[in-house]
N, C-alpha and C. Protein backbone atom coordinates (compact mmCIF):
# COMPACT_ATOMS: atom_id res chain seq x y z
N MET A 1 0.84 -1.16 0.00
CA MET A 1 0.00 0.00 0.00
C MET A 1 0.90 1.23 0.00
N LYS A 2 0.55 2.20 -0.82
CA LYS A 2 1.30 3.44 -0.85
C LYS A 2 0.81 4.36 0.25
N VAL A 3 1.75 4.97 0.95
CA VAL A 3 1.43 5.93 2.01
C VAL A 3 2.32 7.15 1.85
N ILE A 4 1.97 8.22 2.50
CA ILE A 4 2.75 9.44 2.44
C ILE A 4 4.00 9.28 3.31
N ALA A 5 5.13 9.65 2.77
CA ALA A 5 6.38 9.56 3.51
C ALA A 5 6.64 10.85 4.27
N ASN A 6 7.59 10.80 5.15
CA ASN A 6 7.99 11.98 5.89
C ASN A 6 8.57 13.00 4.92
N PRO A 7 8.05 14.24 4.89
CA PRO A 7 8.56 15.23 3.94
C PRO A 7 9.93 15.79 4.32
N VAL A 8 10.36 15.60 5.55
CA VAL A 8 11.65 16.11 6.00
C VAL A 8 12.72 15.06 5.69
N LYS A 9 13.70 15.44 4.91
CA LYS A 9 14.77 14.52 4.52
C LYS A 9 16.10 15.02 5.10
N LEU A 10 16.56 14.40 6.17
CA LEU A 10 17.82 14.76 6.81
C LEU A 10 18.81 13.61 6.61
N SER A 11 19.95 13.91 6.05
CA SER A 11 20.92 12.85 5.73
C SER A 11 21.51 12.21 6.98
N ALA A 12 21.76 12.98 8.03
CA ALA A 12 22.38 12.42 9.23
C ALA A 12 21.38 11.67 10.11
N THR A 13 20.13 12.05 10.05
CA THR A 13 19.11 11.39 10.87
C THR A 13 17.85 11.12 10.04
N PRO A 14 17.91 10.10 9.20
CA PRO A 14 16.74 9.79 8.37
C PRO A 14 15.58 9.30 9.25
N PRO A 15 14.34 9.50 8.80
CA PRO A 15 13.19 9.07 9.61
C PRO A 15 13.12 7.54 9.69
N THR A 16 12.62 7.07 10.80
CA THR A 16 12.39 5.63 10.96
C THR A 16 10.90 5.41 11.18
N TYR A 17 10.40 4.29 10.72
CA TYR A 17 8.99 3.97 10.85
C TYR A 17 8.88 2.70 11.69
N ARG A 18 8.33 2.84 12.89
CA ARG A 18 8.27 1.72 13.82
C ARG A 18 7.00 0.88 13.66
N SER A 19 5.94 1.50 13.17
CA SER A 19 4.69 0.76 13.00
C SER A 19 3.88 1.37 11.87
N ALA A 20 2.92 0.64 11.43
CA ALA A 20 2.04 1.12 10.36
C ALA A 20 1.07 2.15 10.94
N PRO A 21 0.53 3.02 10.10
CA PRO A 21 -0.45 3.99 10.59
C PRO A 21 -1.72 3.27 11.03
N PRO A 22 -2.51 3.88 11.90
CA PRO A 22 -3.74 3.23 12.35
C PRO A 22 -4.75 3.10 11.20
N VAL A 23 -5.55 2.06 11.27
CA VAL A 23 -6.60 1.89 10.27
C VAL A 23 -7.78 2.79 10.63
N LEU A 24 -8.62 3.05 9.69
CA LEU A 24 -9.77 3.92 9.90
C LEU A 24 -10.64 3.39 11.04
N GLY A 25 -10.86 4.21 12.04
CA GLY A 25 -11.71 3.85 13.17
C GLY A 25 -11.03 3.07 14.27
N GLU A 26 -9.74 2.83 14.15
CA GLU A 26 -9.03 2.00 15.13
C GLU A 26 -9.08 2.60 16.54
N HIS A 27 -9.05 3.91 16.66
CA HIS A 27 -9.00 4.56 17.97
C HIS A 27 -10.29 5.31 18.31
N THR A 28 -11.36 4.99 17.63
CA THR A 28 -12.62 5.70 17.82
C THR A 28 -13.09 5.66 19.27
N GLU A 29 -13.13 4.49 19.86
CA GLU A 29 -13.61 4.37 21.24
C GLU A 29 -12.70 5.10 22.22
N GLU A 30 -11.39 5.04 22.00
CA GLU A 30 -10.45 5.74 22.88
C GLU A 30 -10.67 7.25 22.82
N VAL A 31 -10.90 7.77 21.62
CA VAL A 31 -11.11 9.21 21.47
C VAL A 31 -12.44 9.62 22.10
N LEU A 32 -13.50 8.87 21.80
CA LEU A 32 -14.81 9.23 22.32
C LEU A 32 -14.88 9.14 23.84
N SER A 33 -14.27 8.11 24.40
CA SER A 33 -14.34 7.95 25.85
C SER A 33 -13.29 8.79 26.57
N GLY A 34 -12.06 8.74 26.09
CA GLY A 34 -10.98 9.45 26.77
C GLY A 34 -10.99 10.94 26.59
N LEU A 35 -11.08 11.39 25.36
CA LEU A 35 -11.01 12.83 25.10
C LEU A 35 -12.36 13.53 25.23
N LEU A 36 -13.43 12.84 24.85
CA LEU A 36 -14.75 13.47 24.87
C LEU A 36 -15.59 13.07 26.08
N GLY A 37 -15.13 12.09 26.85
CA GLY A 37 -15.83 11.70 28.07
C GLY A 37 -17.13 10.95 27.86
N MET A 38 -17.31 10.33 26.70
CA MET A 38 -18.54 9.57 26.45
C MET A 38 -18.49 8.24 27.18
N THR A 39 -19.66 7.76 27.61
CA THR A 39 -19.75 6.46 28.28
C THR A 39 -19.85 5.35 27.24
N ALA A 40 -19.65 4.12 27.71
CA ALA A 40 -19.77 2.96 26.82
C ALA A 40 -21.18 2.86 26.26
N GLU A 41 -22.17 3.23 27.05
CA GLU A 41 -23.56 3.18 26.60
C GLU A 41 -23.81 4.20 25.48
N GLU A 42 -23.23 5.39 25.61
CA GLU A 42 -23.39 6.41 24.57
C GLU A 42 -22.73 5.97 23.26
N ILE A 43 -21.57 5.35 23.37
CA ILE A 43 -20.87 4.86 22.19
C ILE A 43 -21.66 3.73 21.55
N ALA A 44 -22.21 2.83 22.37
CA ALA A 44 -23.02 1.73 21.84
C ALA A 44 -24.26 2.26 21.14
N ALA A 45 -24.85 3.33 21.66
CA ALA A 45 -26.03 3.93 21.03
C ALA A 45 -25.66 4.49 19.65
N LEU A 46 -24.50 5.09 19.53
CA LEU A 46 -24.05 5.60 18.23
C LEU A 46 -23.83 4.46 17.25
N ARG A 47 -23.28 3.34 17.73
CA ARG A 47 -23.08 2.17 16.86
C ARG A 47 -24.43 1.58 16.45
N ALA A 48 -25.39 1.54 17.37
CA ALA A 48 -26.72 1.00 17.05
C ALA A 48 -27.43 1.84 15.98
N LYS A 49 -27.17 3.14 15.99
CA LYS A 49 -27.77 4.04 14.99
C LYS A 49 -26.95 4.09 13.70
N ALA A 50 -25.89 3.29 13.62
CA ALA A 50 -24.99 3.23 12.46
C ALA A 50 -24.30 4.56 12.21
N ILE A 51 -24.07 5.33 13.27
CA ILE A 51 -23.32 6.58 13.16
C ILE A 51 -21.83 6.26 13.16
N LEU A 52 -21.46 5.24 13.89
CA LEU A 52 -20.05 4.81 13.93
C LEU A 52 -19.90 3.53 13.13
């Protein structure tokens, strides 16, 4: 799969890639619960309505 590379090219310290980027929706629950303070029930309601 083609992905965007780091635009900064430094000869002495080239960028390293330790892991692949997250897939779409991989961190949805973490963001909704951790950053937005939503409960598991609220997230489940969004999934039931096919919003997520």
